[in-house]
């Protein structure tokens, strides 16, 4: 169950980061910083961008 929750959190974060990037014309790193994404999640999410 914890793994499912982690996947959902990553997916939620990915969508919000992508939306910020498109709307505000910013990089993934900038969007993750604004959303205060943890370093652990950044490592996972960076591979998707």
N, C-alpha and C. Protein backbone atom coordinates (compact mmCIF):
# COMPACT_ATOMS: atom_id res chain seq x y z
N UNK A 1 0.82 -1.20 0.00
CA UNK A 1 0.00 0.00 0.00
C UNK A 1 0.87 1.27 0.00
N UNK A 2 1.96 1.24 0.75
CA UNK A 2 2.84 2.41 0.80
C UNK A 2 3.42 2.71 -0.57
N UNK A 3 3.75 1.66 -1.32
CA UNK A 3 4.29 1.85 -2.67
C UNK A 3 3.27 2.55 -3.57
N UNK A 4 2.01 2.17 -3.45
CA UNK A 4 0.95 2.79 -4.25
C UNK A 4 0.82 4.27 -3.90
N UNK A 5 0.89 4.57 -2.62
CA UNK A 5 0.79 5.96 -2.16
C UNK A 5 1.95 6.78 -2.71
N UNK A 6 3.15 6.21 -2.70
CA UNK A 6 4.32 6.90 -3.24
C UNK A 6 4.17 7.16 -4.74
N UNK A 7 3.68 6.16 -5.47
CA UNK A 7 3.47 6.33 -6.92
C UNK A 7 2.46 7.43 -7.18
N UNK A 8 1.38 7.46 -6.40
CA UNK A 8 0.36 8.50 -6.58
C UNK A 8 0.92 9.88 -6.27
N UNK A 9 1.74 9.97 -5.22
CA UNK A 9 2.34 11.26 -4.87
C UNK A 9 3.26 11.75 -5.99
N UNK A 10 4.05 10.84 -6.54
CA UNK A 10 4.95 11.20 -7.63
C UNK A 10 4.14 11.64 -8.85
N UNK A 11 3.08 10.91 -9.16
CA UNK A 11 2.26 11.26 -10.32
C UNK A 11 1.59 12.62 -10.12
N UNK A 12 1.08 12.88 -8.92
CA UNK A 12 0.47 14.17 -8.60
C UNK A 12 1.50 15.28 -8.77
N UNK A 13 2.68 15.07 -8.21
CA UNK A 13 3.73 16.07 -8.31
C UNK A 13 4.11 16.33 -9.76
N UNK A 14 4.26 15.26 -10.53
CA UNK A 14 4.62 15.39 -11.94
C UNK A 14 3.62 16.26 -12.68
N UNK A 15 2.35 16.01 -12.48
CA UNK A 15 1.31 16.80 -13.16
C UNK A 15 1.36 18.27 -12.76
N UNK A 16 1.55 18.54 -11.49
CA UNK A 16 1.60 19.92 -11.03
C UNK A 16 2.85 20.64 -11.51
N UNK A 17 3.96 19.94 -11.53
CA UNK A 17 5.20 20.52 -12.04
C UNK A 17 5.05 20.85 -13.52
N UNK A 18 4.49 19.91 -14.27
CA UNK A 18 4.28 20.11 -15.70
C UNK A 18 3.37 21.31 -15.94
N UNK A 19 2.30 21.43 -15.16
CA UNK A 19 1.39 22.56 -15.30
C UNK A 19 2.09 23.89 -15.02
N UNK A 20 2.90 23.92 -13.97
CA UNK A 20 3.65 25.14 -13.66
C UNK A 20 4.61 25.50 -14.79
N UNK A 21 5.29 24.49 -15.31
CA UNK A 21 6.24 24.73 -16.39
C UNK A 21 5.55 25.34 -17.60
N UNK A 22 4.40 24.81 -17.95
CA UNK A 22 3.67 25.31 -19.12
C UNK A 22 3.09 26.70 -18.88
N UNK A 23 2.47 26.89 -17.73
CA UNK A 23 1.78 28.15 -17.46
C UNK A 23 2.74 29.30 -17.18
N UNK A 24 3.83 29.00 -16.49
CA UNK A 24 4.74 30.05 -16.06
C UNK A 24 6.05 30.09 -16.86
N UNK A 25 6.16 29.21 -17.86
CA UNK A 25 7.36 29.16 -18.70
C UNK A 25 8.63 29.02 -17.85
N UNK A 26 8.64 28.01 -16.98
CA UNK A 26 9.79 27.79 -16.12
C UNK A 26 10.32 26.38 -16.31
N UNK A 27 11.50 26.15 -15.78
CA UNK A 27 12.12 24.83 -15.88
C UNK A 27 11.52 23.90 -14.82
N UNK A 28 11.77 22.60 -15.00
CA UNK A 28 11.30 21.62 -14.03
C UNK A 28 11.93 21.90 -12.66
N UNK A 29 13.20 22.25 -12.66
CA UNK A 29 13.90 22.53 -11.40
C UNK A 29 13.26 23.71 -10.68
N UNK A 30 12.93 24.75 -11.41
CA UNK A 30 12.28 25.91 -10.80
C UNK A 30 10.92 25.54 -10.24
N UNK A 31 10.15 24.77 -10.99
CA UNK A 31 8.82 24.36 -10.53
C UNK A 31 8.92 23.48 -9.29
N UNK A 32 9.88 22.56 -9.27
CA UNK A 32 10.05 21.70 -8.10
C UNK A 32 10.47 22.50 -6.87
N UNK A 33 11.26 23.53 -7.08
CA UNK A 33 11.67 24.38 -5.98
C UNK A 33 10.48 25.14 -5.40
N UNK A 34 9.64 25.68 -6.26
CA UNK A 34 8.45 26.41 -5.82
C UNK A 34 7.52 25.50 -5.03
N UNK A 35 7.37 24.26 -5.50
CA UNK A 35 6.49 23.30 -4.84
C UNK A 35 7.14 22.61 -3.65
N UNK A 36 8.40 22.94 -3.39
CA UNK A 36 9.14 22.36 -2.27
C UNK A 36 9.15 20.83 -2.31
N UNK A 37 9.48 20.31 -3.49
CA UNK A 37 9.57 18.87 -3.68
C UNK A 37 10.83 18.37 -2.96
N UNK A 38 10.70 17.25 -2.26
CA UNK A 38 11.84 16.70 -1.51
C UNK A 38 12.94 16.27 -2.48
N UNK A 39 14.16 16.20 -1.97
CA UNK A 39 15.29 15.77 -2.79
C UNK A 39 15.08 14.36 -3.32
N UNK A 40 14.50 13.50 -2.49
CA UNK A 40 14.22 12.12 -2.90
C UNK A 40 13.27 12.09 -4.10
N UNK A 41 12.19 12.88 -4.02
CA UNK A 41 11.23 12.93 -5.12
C UNK A 41 11.82 13.62 -6.35
N UNK A 42 12.66 14.63 -6.13
CA UNK A 42 13.31 15.31 -7.26
C UNK A 42 14.12 14.33 -8.09
N UNK A 43 14.82 13.42 -7.41
CA UNK A 43 15.63 12.44 -8.12
C UNK A 43 14.76 11.57 -9.03
N UNK A 44 13.61 11.18 -8.54
CA UNK A 44 12.68 10.36 -9.33
C UNK A 44 12.06 11.18 -10.45
N UNK A 45 11.60 12.36 -10.12
CA UNK A 45 10.89 13.19 -11.09
C UNK A 45 11.82 13.72 -12.20
N UNK A 46 13.05 14.01 -11.86
CA UNK A 46 13.99 14.55 -12.86
C UNK A 46 14.16 13.60 -14.04
N UNK A 47 14.04 12.33 -13.79
CA UNK A 47 14.18 11.33 -14.85
C UNK A 47 13.01 11.38 -15.83
N UNK A 48 11.88 11.95 -15.41
CA UNK A 48 10.70 12.01 -16.26
C UNK A 48 10.68 13.23 -17.16
N UNK A 49 11.54 14.22 -16.87
CA UNK A 49 11.55 15.45 -17.68
C UNK A 49 12.67 15.45 -18.67
